[in-house]
């Protein structure tokens, strides 16, 4: 296995250029799907290799649950053994599992808190809460509850009728494309490897830009949509769900407004292979492919060695 077990731990660096360029040069839908997929592959491969390091590096530690034959000297010669690296991988894997678990717990907690806020409200696709604090967000559905757009009376009173159409079109786009799943996937990927945090930020921005473009196309006026986003950002308050699917996500509004005031992005997938976005895309794809091959090679090699060393 050798170097192959370590490559997926550094290959996430290949995703940085595409995280920087995709949001500027690609359609938000294309960029978001690309970044989420690359991040998921790189995170899964790095996690697998971290698990392999735990197995290899701790094979001779007292009390480990592995068969005694796995710590045979011949096995150690066939498999690169680094006790320090192996022991260091144990708390790293534990931290990874803890952070991913915490993200899932917070995700479910926010969803339950939003459902509690909707108790007593008419069960329709749009839930209007009698609250002077202005906010609006998309609430994904579950097996027991339907997906809904939640908006406060404070937000509706602050927007003109045409701007409300843009708001509802934006939130419907979030629900239709199931952006909450892409966001959760990006967050888990960033928890799995710190090098993937730029991808998480890019995906969070990408889903908002994606919904903005859908809203602008629905209302037929990009300037109106930009005005609605900007006005909502000036008055927005934190609602009962502190997720990133809010209509005016903090820290992203100026770039969103600027993009809406520019011409609509092209949906053309093919671009000349010599452009910077094309090169960054190929680099990220090559990094994801190399990471997958490296982790698969390491896993298969270790499995064959340990299988040969394990008595029947």
C-alpha atoms as a PDB file:
ATOM      1  CA  UNK A   1       0.000   0.000   0.000  1.00  0.00           C
ATOM      2  CA  UNK A   2       2.764   2.454   0.924  1.00  0.00           C
ATOM      3  CA  UNK A   3       2.182   5.878  -0.511  1.00  0.00           C
ATOM      4  CA  UNK A   4      -1.311   5.010  -1.697  1.00  0.00           C
ATOM      5  CA  UNK A   5      -2.714   5.126   1.830  1.00  0.00           C
ATOM      6  CA  UNK A   6      -1.455   8.682   2.311  1.00  0.00           C
ATOM      7  CA  UNK A   7      -2.356  10.205  -1.062  1.00  0.00           C
ATOM      8  CA  UNK A   8      -6.099  10.675  -0.326  1.00  0.00           C
ATOM      9  CA  UNK A   9      -5.136  12.707   2.740  1.00  0.00           C
ATOM     10  CA  UNK A  10      -3.427  15.385   0.609  1.00  0.00           C
ATOM     11  CA  UNK A  11      -5.335  15.163  -2.681  1.00  0.00           C
ATOM     12  CA  UNK A  12      -8.216  17.356  -1.376  1.00  0.00           C
ATOM     13  CA  UNK A  13      -5.849  20.247  -2.071  1.00  0.00           C
ATOM     14  CA  UNK A  14      -6.601  19.721  -5.776  1.00  0.00           C
ATOM     15  CA  UNK A  15     -10.146  20.982  -5.154  1.00  0.00           C
ATOM     16  CA  UNK A  16      -9.110  24.488  -4.087  1.00  0.00           C
ATOM     17  CA  UNK A  17      -8.798  26.010  -7.576  1.00  0.00           C
ATOM     18  CA  UNK A  18     -12.220  24.780  -8.686  1.00  0.00           C
ATOM     19  CA  UNK A  19     -13.808  26.015  -5.446  1.00  0.00           C
ATOM     20  CA  UNK A  20     -12.458  29.463  -6.231  1.00  0.00           C
ATOM     21  CA  UNK A  21     -13.272  29.590  -9.937  1.00  0.00           C
ATOM     22  CA  UNK A  22     -16.450  27.536 -10.328  1.00  0.00           C
ATOM     23  CA  UNK A  23     -18.745  30.064  -8.689  1.00  0.00           C
ATOM     24  CA  UNK A  24     -17.467  32.801 -11.013  1.00  0.00           C
ATOM     25  CA  UNK A  25     -17.328  31.042 -14.355  1.00  0.00           C
ATOM     26  CA  UNK A  26     -19.905  28.208 -14.240  1.00  0.00           C
ATOM     27  CA  UNK A  27     -23.679  28.254 -13.921  1.00  0.00           C
ATOM     28  CA  UNK A  28     -24.587  28.015 -10.203  1.00  0.00           C
ATOM     29  CA  UNK A  29     -26.404  24.721 -10.732  1.00  0.00           C
ATOM     30  CA  UNK A  30     -23.436  23.132 -12.499  1.00  0.00           C
ATOM     31  CA  UNK A  31     -20.923  24.539 -10.030  1.00  0.00           C
ATOM     32  CA  UNK A  32     -22.871  23.414  -6.963  1.00  0.00           C
ATOM     33  CA  UNK A  33     -23.403  19.853  -8.175  1.00  0.00           C
ATOM     34  CA  UNK A  34     -19.768  19.572  -9.266  1.00  0.00           C
ATOM     35  CA  UNK A  35     -18.366  20.864  -5.967  1.00  0.00           C
ATOM     36  CA  UNK A  36     -20.664  18.708  -3.848  1.00  0.00           C
ATOM     37  CA  UNK A  37     -19.754  15.564  -5.811  1.00  0.00           C
ATOM     38  CA  UNK A  38     -15.999  16.230  -5.726  1.00  0.00           C
ATOM     39  CA  UNK A  39     -16.122  16.987  -2.014  1.00  0.00           C
ATOM     40  CA  UNK A  40     -18.069  13.818  -1.222  1.00  0.00           C
ATOM     41  CA  UNK A  41     -15.633  11.595  -3.146  1.00  0.00           C
ATOM     42  CA  UNK A  42     -12.550  13.175  -1.598  1.00  0.00           C
ATOM     43  CA  UNK A  43     -14.046  13.024   1.906  1.00  0.00           C
ATOM     44  CA  UNK A  44     -15.047   9.367   1.572  1.00  0.00           C
ATOM     45  CA  UNK A  45     -11.604   8.369   0.280  1.00  0.00           C
ATOM     46  CA  UNK A  46      -9.703  10.269   2.966  1.00  0.00           C
ATOM     47  CA  UNK A  47     -11.915   8.765   5.671  1.00  0.00           C
ATOM     48  CA  UNK A  48     -11.334   5.257   4.327  1.00  0.00           C
ATOM     49  CA  UNK A  49      -7.572   5.771   4.323  1.00  0.00           C
ATOM     50  CA  UNK A  50      -7.717   7.131   7.861  1.00  0.00           C
ATOM     51  CA  UNK A  51      -9.474   3.933   8.903  1.00  0.00           C
ATOM     52  CA  UNK A  52      -6.780   1.879   7.165  1.00  0.00           C
ATOM     53  CA  UNK A  53      -4.082   3.793   9.036  1.00  0.00           C
ATOM     54  CA  UNK A  54      -5.817   2.959  12.307  1.00  0.00           C
ATOM     55  CA  UNK A  55      -5.851  -0.750  11.410  1.00  0.00           C
ATOM     56  CA  UNK A  56      -2.263  -0.835  10.177  1.00  0.00           C
ATOM     57  CA  UNK A  57      -0.759   1.405  12.815  1.00  0.00           C
ATOM     58  CA  UNK A  58      -2.391  -0.228  15.823  1.00  0.00           C
ATOM     59  CA  UNK A  59      -2.023  -3.883  14.849  1.00  0.00           C
ATOM     60  CA  UNK A  60       0.423  -4.573  17.691  1.00  0.00           C
ATOM     61  CA  UNK A  61      -1.096  -2.402  20.395  1.00  0.00           C
ATOM     62  CA  UNK A  62      -2.141  -4.413  23.473  1.00  0.00           C
ATOM     63  CA  UNK A  63      -5.830  -5.130  23.632  1.00  0.00           C
ATOM     64  CA  UNK A  64      -6.618  -4.432  20.004  1.00  0.00           C
ATOM     65  CA  UNK A  65      -9.523  -6.490  18.624  1.00  0.00           C
ATOM     66  CA  UNK A  66      -7.597  -7.701  15.569  1.00  0.00           C
ATOM     67  CA  UNK A  67      -6.511 -11.346  15.192  1.00  0.00           C
ATOM     68  CA  UNK A  68      -3.018 -12.092  16.531  1.00  0.00           C
ATOM     69  CA  UNK A  69      -1.827 -13.230  13.106  1.00  0.00           C
ATOM     70  CA  UNK A  70      -2.369  -9.700  11.763  1.00  0.00           C
ATOM     71  CA  UNK A  71       0.527  -8.448  13.890  1.00  0.00           C
ATOM     72  CA  UNK A  72       2.903 -11.133  12.651  1.00  0.00           C
ATOM     73  CA  UNK A  73       6.386  -9.781  11.748  1.00  0.00           C
ATOM     74  CA  UNK A  74       5.973 -10.943   8.133  1.00  0.00           C
ATOM     75  CA  UNK A  75       2.750  -8.981   7.895  1.00  0.00           C
ATOM     76  CA  UNK A  76       4.514  -5.947   9.305  1.00  0.00           C
ATOM     77  CA  UNK A  77       7.178  -6.240   6.621  1.00  0.00           C
ATOM     78  CA  UNK A  78       4.558  -6.473   3.880  1.00  0.00           C
ATOM     79  CA  UNK A  79       2.553  -3.538   5.216  1.00  0.00           C
ATOM     80  CA  UNK A  80       4.281  -0.220   6.000  1.00  0.00           C
ATOM     81  CA  UNK A  81       4.007   0.153   9.757  1.00  0.00           C
ATOM     82  CA  UNK A  82       4.258   3.444  11.591  1.00  0.00           C
ATOM     83  CA  UNK A  83       3.267   3.258  15.216  1.00  0.00           C
ATOM     84  CA  UNK A  84       3.261   7.036  15.721  1.00  0.00           C
ATOM     85  CA  UNK A  85       1.173   7.673  12.628  1.00  0.00           C
ATOM     86  CA  UNK A  86      -1.152   4.821  13.495  1.00  0.00           C
ATOM     87  CA  UNK A  87      -1.718   6.037  17.045  1.00  0.00           C
ATOM     88  CA  UNK A  88      -2.206   9.607  15.865  1.00  0.00           C
ATOM     89  CA  UNK A  89      -4.875   8.428  13.449  1.00  0.00           C
ATOM     90  CA  UNK A  90      -7.021   7.106  16.326  1.00  0.00           C
ATOM     91  CA  UNK A  91      -7.911  10.505  17.848  1.00  0.00           C
ATOM     92  CA  UNK A  92      -8.165  11.951  14.329  1.00  0.00           C
ATOM     93  CA  UNK A  93     -10.775   9.364  13.396  1.00  0.00           C
ATOM     94  CA  UNK A  94     -12.566   9.872  16.708  1.00  0.00           C
ATOM     95  CA  UNK A  95     -12.678  13.642  16.111  1.00  0.00           C
ATOM     96  CA  UNK A  96     -14.001  13.068  12.595  1.00  0.00           C
ATOM     97  CA  UNK A  97     -16.827  10.858  13.843  1.00  0.00           C
ATOM     98  CA  UNK A  98     -17.650  13.301  16.641  1.00  0.00           C
ATOM     99  CA  UNK A  99     -17.845  16.339  14.347  1.00  0.00           C
ATOM    100  CA  UNK A 100     -19.917  14.517  11.734  1.00  0.00           C
ATOM    101  CA  UNK A 101     -22.229  13.229  14.448  1.00  0.00           C
ATOM    102  CA  UNK A 102     -22.562  16.732  15.879  1.00  0.00           C
ATOM    103  CA  UNK A 103     -23.475  18.104  12.449  1.00  0.00           C
ATOM    104  CA  UNK A 104     -26.204  15.500  12.022  1.00  0.00           C
ATOM    105  CA  UNK A 105     -27.553  16.176  15.514  1.00  0.00           C
ATOM    106  CA  UNK A 106     -27.691  19.935  14.908  1.00  0.00           C
ATOM    107  CA  UNK A 107     -29.365  19.365  11.545  1.00  0.00           C
ATOM    108  CA  UNK A 108     -32.140  17.321  13.126  1.00  0.00           C
ATOM    109  CA  UNK A 109     -32.425  19.686  16.092  1.00  0.00           C
ATOM    110  CA  UNK A 110     -32.899  22.737  13.842  1.00  0.00           C
ATOM    111  CA  UNK A 111     -35.541  20.899  11.849  1.00  0.00           C
ATOM    112  CA  UNK A 112     -37.448  19.870  14.977  1.00  0.00           C
ATOM    113  CA  UNK A 113     -37.244  23.416  16.340  1.00  0.00           C
ATOM    114  CA  UNK A 114     -38.753  24.773  13.129  1.00  0.00           C
ATOM    115  CA  UNK A 115     -41.545  22.191  13.257  1.00  0.00           C
ATOM    116  CA  UNK A 116     -42.343  23.229  16.827  1.00  0.00           C
ATOM    117  CA  UNK A 117     -42.591  26.844  15.688  1.00  0.00           C
ATOM    118  CA  UNK A 118     -45.181  25.761  13.116  1.00  0.00           C
ATOM    119  CA  UNK A 119     -47.505  24.035  15.565  1.00  0.00           C
ATOM    120  CA  UNK A 120     -51.005  25.427  15.192  1.00  0.00           C
ATOM    121  CA  UNK A 121     -50.256  26.936  11.766  1.00  0.00           C
ATOM    122  CA  UNK A 122     -52.421  25.792   8.852  1.00  0.00           C
ATOM    123  CA  UNK A 123     -50.808  22.841   7.054  1.00  0.00           C
ATOM    124  CA  UNK A 124     -50.203  24.406   3.646  1.00  0.00           C
ATOM    125  CA  UNK A 125     -47.232  24.785   1.333  1.00  0.00           C
ATOM    126  CA  UNK A 126     -46.656  28.298   2.687  1.00  0.00           C
ATOM    127  CA  UNK A 127     -46.658  28.901   6.449  1.00  0.00           C
ATOM    128  CA  UNK A 128     -47.025  32.515   7.553  1.00  0.00           C
ATOM    129  CA  UNK A 129     -45.963  33.112  11.151  1.00  0.00           C
ATOM    130  CA  UNK A 130     -47.388  36.131  12.995  1.00  0.00           C
ATOM    131  CA  UNK A 131     -44.015  37.555  13.901  1.00  0.00           C
ATOM    132  CA  UNK A 132     -42.778  41.123  13.504  1.00  0.00           C
ATOM    133  CA  UNK A 133     -39.205  39.862  13.058  1.00  0.00           C
ATOM    134  CA  UNK A 134     -38.575  39.597   9.285  1.00  0.00           C
ATOM    135  CA  UNK A 135     -37.326  36.211   8.091  1.00  0.00           C
ATOM    136  CA  UNK A 136     -38.056  33.576   5.453  1.00  0.00           C
ATOM    137  CA  UNK A 137     -36.643  30.110   4.855  1.00  0.00           C
ATOM    138  CA  UNK A 138     -37.329  26.779   3.180  1.00  0.00           C
ATOM    139  CA  UNK A 139     -38.247  23.887   5.471  1.00  0.00           C
ATOM    140  CA  UNK A 140     -37.544  20.445   3.937  1.00  0.00           C
ATOM    141  CA  UNK A 141     -40.186  17.789   4.298  1.00  0.00           C
ATOM    142  CA  UNK A 142     -40.021  14.449   6.061  1.00  0.00           C
ATOM    143  CA  UNK A 143     -42.144  11.312   6.060  1.00  0.00           C
ATOM    144  CA  UNK A 144     -44.453  12.912   8.612  1.00  0.00           C
ATOM    145  CA  UNK A 145     -44.383  16.523   7.488  1.00  0.00           C
ATOM    146  CA  UNK A 146     -44.600  18.247   4.129  1.00  0.00           C
ATOM    147  CA  UNK A 147     -42.034  20.620   2.749  1.00  0.00           C
ATOM    148  CA  UNK A 148     -43.005  24.207   3.343  1.00  0.00           C
ATOM    149  CA  UNK A 149     -41.969  27.791   2.834  1.00  0.00           C
ATOM    150  CA  UNK A 150     -41.930  29.621   6.157  1.00  0.00           C
ATOM    151  CA  UNK A 151     -42.194  33.391   6.181  1.00  0.00           C
ATOM    152  CA  UNK A 152     -42.996  35.906   8.874  1.00  0.00           C
ATOM    153  CA  UNK A 153     -45.521  38.712   8.585  1.00  0.00           C
ATOM    154  CA  UNK A 154     -42.655  41.096   9.262  1.00  0.00           C
ATOM    155  CA  UNK A 155     -40.907  39.986   6.059  1.00  0.00           C
ATOM    156  CA  UNK A 156     -44.092  40.119   3.983  1.00  0.00           C
ATOM    157  CA  UNK A 157     -44.928  43.617   5.200  1.00  0.00           C
ATOM    158  CA  UNK A 158     -41.445  44.859   4.290  1.00  0.00           C
ATOM    159  CA  UNK A 159     -41.569  43.629   0.676  1.00  0.00           C
ATOM    160  CA  UNK A 160     -43.640  44.815  -2.246  1.00  0.00           C
ATOM    161  CA  UNK A 161     -45.932  42.291  -3.989  1.00  0.00           C
ATOM    162  CA  UNK A 162     -43.493  41.740  -6.876  1.00  0.00           C
ATOM    163  CA  UNK A 163     -40.628  41.246  -4.423  1.00  0.00           C
ATOM    164  CA  UNK A 164     -42.676  38.665  -2.559  1.00  0.00           C
ATOM    165  CA  UNK A 165     -42.988  36.692  -5.785  1.00  0.00           C
ATOM    166  CA  UNK A 166     -39.205  36.619  -6.015  1.00  0.00           C
ATOM    167  CA  UNK A 167     -38.948  35.509  -2.396  1.00  0.00           C
ATOM    168  CA  UNK A 168     -41.364  32.610  -2.835  1.00  0.00           C
ATOM    169  CA  UNK A 169     -39.755  31.563  -6.134  1.00  0.00           C
ATOM    170  CA  UNK A 170     -36.355  31.518  -4.412  1.00  0.00           C
ATOM    171  CA  UNK A 171     -37.565  29.294  -1.588  1.00  0.00           C
ATOM    172  CA  UNK A 172     -39.461  26.980  -3.952  1.00  0.00           C
ATOM    173  CA  UNK A 173     -36.219  26.482  -5.874  1.00  0.00           C
ATOM    174  CA  UNK A 174     -34.500  25.397  -2.648  1.00  0.00           C
ATOM    175  CA  UNK A 175     -37.207  22.828  -1.972  1.00  0.00           C
ATOM    176  CA  UNK A 176     -37.497  21.554  -5.548  1.00  0.00           C
ATOM    177  CA  UNK A 177     -33.743  20.937  -5.898  1.00  0.00           C
ATOM    178  CA  UNK A 178     -33.408  19.584  -2.339  1.00  0.00           C
ATOM    179  CA  UNK A 179     -30.592  21.947  -1.561  1.00  0.00           C
ATOM    180  CA  UNK A 180     -30.625  20.933   2.099  1.00  0.00           C
ATOM    181  CA  UNK A 181     -29.131  17.586   1.116  1.00  0.00           C
ATOM    182  CA  UNK A 182     -26.305  19.193  -0.852  1.00  0.00           C
ATOM    183  CA  UNK A 183     -25.575  21.489   2.078  1.00  0.00           C
ATOM    184  CA  UNK A 184     -25.528  18.630   4.565  1.00  0.00           C
ATOM    185  CA  UNK A 185     -23.242  16.624   2.277  1.00  0.00           C
ATOM    186  CA  UNK A 186     -20.861  19.581   1.947  1.00  0.00           C
ATOM    187  CA  UNK A 187     -20.781  20.099   5.704  1.00  0.00           C
ATOM    188  CA  UNK A 188     -20.073  16.438   6.398  1.00  0.00           C
ATOM    189  CA  UNK A 189     -17.310  16.468   3.772  1.00  0.00           C
ATOM    190  CA  UNK A 190     -15.703  19.497   5.412  1.00  0.00           C
ATOM    191  CA  UNK A 191     -15.908  17.743   8.785  1.00  0.00           C
ATOM    192  CA  UNK A 192     -14.177  14.713   7.298  1.00  0.00           C
ATOM    193  CA  UNK A 193     -11.234  16.742   6.006  1.00  0.00           C
ATOM    194  CA  UNK A 194     -10.317  20.369   6.818  1.00  0.00           C
ATOM    195  CA  UNK A 195      -8.931  20.892   3.299  1.00  0.00           C
ATOM    196  CA  UNK A 196     -12.515  20.613   1.992  1.00  0.00           C
ATOM    197  CA  UNK A 197     -13.820  23.655   3.884  1.00  0.00           C
ATOM    198  CA  UNK A 198     -13.469  25.937   0.834  1.00  0.00           C
ATOM    199  CA  UNK A 199     -15.793  23.563  -1.026  1.00  0.00           C
ATOM    200  CA  UNK A 200     -18.368  23.798   1.755  1.00  0.00           C
ATOM    201  CA  UNK A 201     -18.321  27.599   1.557  1.00  0.00           C
ATOM    202  CA  UNK A 202     -18.625  27.461  -2.231  1.00  0.00           C
ATOM    203  CA  UNK A 203     -21.566  25.032  -2.060  1.00  0.00           C
ATOM    204  CA  UNK A 204     -23.360  27.223   0.488  1.00  0.00           C
ATOM    205  CA  UNK A 205     -22.978  30.189  -1.840  1.00  0.00           C
ATOM    206  CA  UNK A 206     -23.839  28.079  -4.879  1.00  0.00           C
ATOM    207  CA  UNK A 207     -27.243  26.931  -3.639  1.00  0.00           C
ATOM    208  CA  UNK A 208     -28.225  30.538  -2.917  1.00  0.00           C
ATOM    209  CA  UNK A 209     -27.079  31.658  -6.371  1.00  0.00           C
ATOM    210  CA  UNK A 210     -28.887  28.687  -7.920  1.00  0.00           C
ATOM    211  CA  UNK A 211     -32.138  29.686  -6.188  1.00  0.00           C
ATOM    212  CA  UNK A 212     -31.584  33.337  -7.134  1.00  0.00           C
ATOM    213  CA  UNK A 213     -31.292  32.447 -10.808  1.00  0.00           C
ATOM    214  CA  UNK A 214     -34.429  30.307 -10.654  1.00  0.00           C
ATOM    215  CA  UNK A 215     -36.287  33.173  -8.989  1.00  0.00           C
ATOM    216  CA  UNK A 216     -35.052  35.710 -11.553  1.00  0.00           C
ATOM    217  CA  UNK A 217     -36.139  33.446 -14.387  1.00  0.00           C
ATOM    218  CA  UNK A 218     -39.565  32.930 -12.788  1.00  0.00           C
ATOM    219  CA  UNK A 219     -40.332  36.619 -12.223  1.00  0.00           C
ATOM    220  CA  UNK A 220     -38.608  37.636 -15.466  1.00  0.00           C
ATOM    221  CA  UNK A 221     -36.706  40.523 -13.901  1.00  0.00           C
ATOM    222  CA  UNK A 222     -33.144  40.170 -12.582  1.00  0.00           C
ATOM    223  CA  UNK A 223     -33.053  43.692 -11.164  1.00  0.00           C
ATOM    224  CA  UNK A 224     -36.268  43.089  -9.223  1.00  0.00           C
ATOM    225  CA  UNK A 225     -34.868  39.889  -7.764  1.00  0.00           C
ATOM    226  CA  UNK A 226     -31.650  41.664  -6.788  1.00  0.00           C
ATOM    227  CA  UNK A 227     -33.673  44.396  -5.077  1.00  0.00           C
ATOM    228  CA  UNK A 228     -35.699  41.806  -3.161  1.00  0.00           C
ATOM    229  CA  UNK A 229     -32.551  40.004  -1.989  1.00  0.00           C
ATOM    230  CA  UNK A 230     -30.870  43.257  -0.966  1.00  0.00           C
ATOM    231  CA  UNK A 231     -33.909  44.613   0.855  1.00  0.00           C
ATOM    232  CA  UNK A 232     -34.446  41.358   2.726  1.00  0.00           C
ATOM    233  CA  UNK A 233     -30.791  41.368   3.790  1.00  0.00           C
ATOM    234  CA  UNK A 234     -31.105  44.826   5.322  1.00  0.00           C
ATOM    235  CA  UNK A 235     -34.040  43.856   7.520  1.00  0.00           C
ATOM    236  CA  UNK A 236     -33.513  40.115   7.981  1.00  0.00           C
ATOM    237  CA  UNK A 237     -33.546  38.619  11.460  1.00  0.00           C
ATOM    238  CA  UNK A 238     -32.787  35.127  12.694  1.00  0.00           C
ATOM    239  CA  UNK A 239     -35.818  32.888  12.434  1.00  0.00           C
ATOM    240  CA  UNK A 240     -36.644  29.694  14.337  1.00  0.00           C
ATOM    241  CA  UNK A 241     -34.404  27.769  11.939  1.00  0.00           C
ATOM    242  CA  UNK A 242     -30.832  29.048  11.885  1.00  0.00           C
ATOM    243  CA  UNK A 243     -29.883  27.195   8.720  1.00  0.00           C
ATOM    244  CA  UNK A 244     -28.317  28.510   5.518  1.00  0.00           C
ATOM    245  CA  UNK A 245     -31.483  28.207   3.419  1.00  0.00           C
ATOM    246  CA  UNK A 246     -32.648  31.626   4.558  1.00  0.00           C
ATOM    247  CA  UNK A 247     -33.617  34.103   1.854  1.00  0.00           C
ATOM    248  CA  UNK A 248     -30.917  36.547   2.996  1.00  0.00           C
ATOM    249  CA  UNK A 249     -27.988  34.361   4.057  1.00  0.00           C
ATOM    250  CA  UNK A 250     -25.445  36.391   5.992  1.00  0.00           C
ATOM    251  CA  UNK A 251     -22.167  37.250   4.301  1.00  0.00           C
ATOM    252  CA  UNK A 252     -23.342  36.289   0.806  1.00  0.00           C
ATOM    253  CA  UNK A 253     -25.816  38.996  -0.129  1.00  0.00           C
ATOM    254  CA  UNK A 254     -23.468  41.558  -1.769  1.00  0.00           C
ATOM    255  CA  UNK A 255     -22.051  38.960  -4.154  1.00  0.00           C
ATOM    256  CA  UNK A 256     -25.529  37.621  -4.909  1.00  0.00           C
ATOM    257  CA  UNK A 257     -26.865  41.075  -5.709  1.00  0.00           C
ATOM    258  CA  UNK A 258     -23.851  41.828  -7.897  1.00  0.00           C
ATOM    259  CA  UNK A 259     -24.359  38.565  -9.806  1.00  0.00           C
ATOM    260  CA  UNK A 260     -28.066  39.308 -10.328  1.00  0.00           C
ATOM    261  CA  UNK A 261     -27.272  42.742 -11.737  1.00  0.00           C
ATOM    262  CA  UNK A 262     -24.960  41.118 -14.283  1.00  0.00           C
ATOM    263  CA  UNK A 263     -26.165  39.178 -17.357  1.00  0.00           C
ATOM    264  CA  UNK A 264     -27.602  35.723 -16.725  1.00  0.00           C
ATOM    265  CA  UNK A 265     -24.947  32.976 -16.611  1.00  0.00           C
ATOM    266  CA  UNK A 266     -24.808  30.572 -19.498  1.00  0.00           C
ATOM    267  CA  UNK A 267     -25.964  26.998 -19.041  1.00  0.00           C
ATOM    268  CA  UNK A 268     -23.502  25.731 -21.660  1.00  0.00           C
ATOM    269  CA  UNK A 269     -21.545  22.836 -20.138  1.00  0.00           C
ATOM    270  CA  UNK A 270     -18.730  22.653 -22.699  1.00  0.00           C
ATOM    271  CA  UNK A 271     -16.036  25.267 -22.419  1.00  0.00           C
ATOM    272  CA  UNK A 272     -12.689  25.607 -24.213  1.00  0.00           C
ATOM    273  CA  UNK A 273     -10.161  23.304 -22.505  1.00  0.00           C
ATOM    274  CA  UNK A 274      -7.565  26.074 -22.110  1.00  0.00           C
ATOM    275  CA  UNK A 275      -9.587  28.312 -19.769  1.00  0.00           C
ATOM    276  CA  UNK A 276      -8.820  28.547 -16.065  1.00  0.00           C
ATOM    277  CA  UNK A 277     -12.200  27.067 -14.964  1.00  0.00           C
ATOM    278  CA  UNK A 278     -11.740  24.124 -17.333  1.00  0.00           C
ATOM    279  CA  UNK A 279      -8.243  23.470 -16.003  1.00  0.00           C
ATOM    280  CA  UNK A 280      -9.474  23.721 -12.383  1.00  0.00           C
ATOM    281  CA  UNK A 281     -12.329  21.327 -13.167  1.00  0.00           C
ATOM    282  CA  UNK A 282     -10.002  18.785 -14.747  1.00  0.00           C
ATOM    283  CA  UNK A 283      -7.613  19.121 -11.806  1.00  0.00           C
ATOM    284  CA  UNK A 284     -10.386  18.483  -9.288  1.00  0.00           C
ATOM    285  CA  UNK A 285     -11.696  15.529 -11.313  1.00  0.00           C
ATOM    286  CA  UNK A 286      -8.190  14.073 -11.579  1.00  0.00           C
ATOM    287  CA  UNK A 287      -7.669  14.533  -7.840  1.00  0.00           C
ATOM    288  CA  UNK A 288     -10.957  12.789  -7.042  1.00  0.00           C
ATOM    289  CA  UNK A 289     -10.166   9.930  -9.437  1.00  0.00           C
ATOM    290  CA  UNK A 290      -6.631   9.525  -8.058  1.00  0.00           C
ATOM    291  CA  UNK A 291      -7.972   9.590  -4.509  1.00  0.00           C
ATOM    292  CA  UNK A 292     -10.528   6.894  -5.319  1.00  0.00           C
ATOM    293  CA  UNK A 293      -7.934   4.686  -7.019  1.00  0.00           C
ATOM    294  CA  UNK A 294      -5.410   5.168  -4.211  1.00  0.00           C
ATOM    295  CA  UNK A 295      -7.853   4.357  -1.439  1.00  0.00           C
ATOM    296  CA  UNK A 296      -9.196   1.347  -3.336  1.00  0.00           C
ATOM    297  CA  UNK A 297      -5.674   0.076  -3.963  1.00  0.00           C
ATOM    298  CA  UNK A 298      -4.726   0.489  -0.304  1.00  0.00           C
ATOM    299  CA  UNK A 299      -7.905  -1.184   0.926  1.00  0.00           C
ATOM    300  CA  UNK A 300      -7.615  -4.159  -1.444  1.00  0.00           C
ATOM    301  CA  UNK A 301      -3.905  -4.616  -0.714  1.00  0.00           C
ATOM    302  CA  UNK A 302      -4.446  -4.573   3.033  1.00  0.00           C
ATOM    303  CA  UNK A 303      -7.403  -6.953   2.759  1.00  0.00           C
ATOM    304  CA  UNK A 304      -5.389  -9.466   0.717  1.00  0.00           C
ATOM    305  CA  UNK A 305      -2.397  -9.305   3.080  1.00  0.00           C
ATOM    306  CA  UNK A 306      -4.514  -9.728   6.201  1.00  0.00           C
ATOM    307  CA  UNK A 307      -6.548 -12.491   4.606  1.00  0.00           C
ATOM    308  CA  UNK A 308      -3.341 -14.396   3.768  1.00  0.00           C
ATOM    309  CA  UNK A 309      -2.061 -13.891   7.299  1.00  0.00           C
ATOM    310  CA  UNK A 310      -5.268 -14.994   9.001  1.00  0.00           C
ATOM    311  CA  UNK A 311      -5.395 -18.740   9.719  1.00  0.00           C
ATOM    312  CA  UNK A 312      -8.456 -20.625   8.552  1.00  0.00           C
END
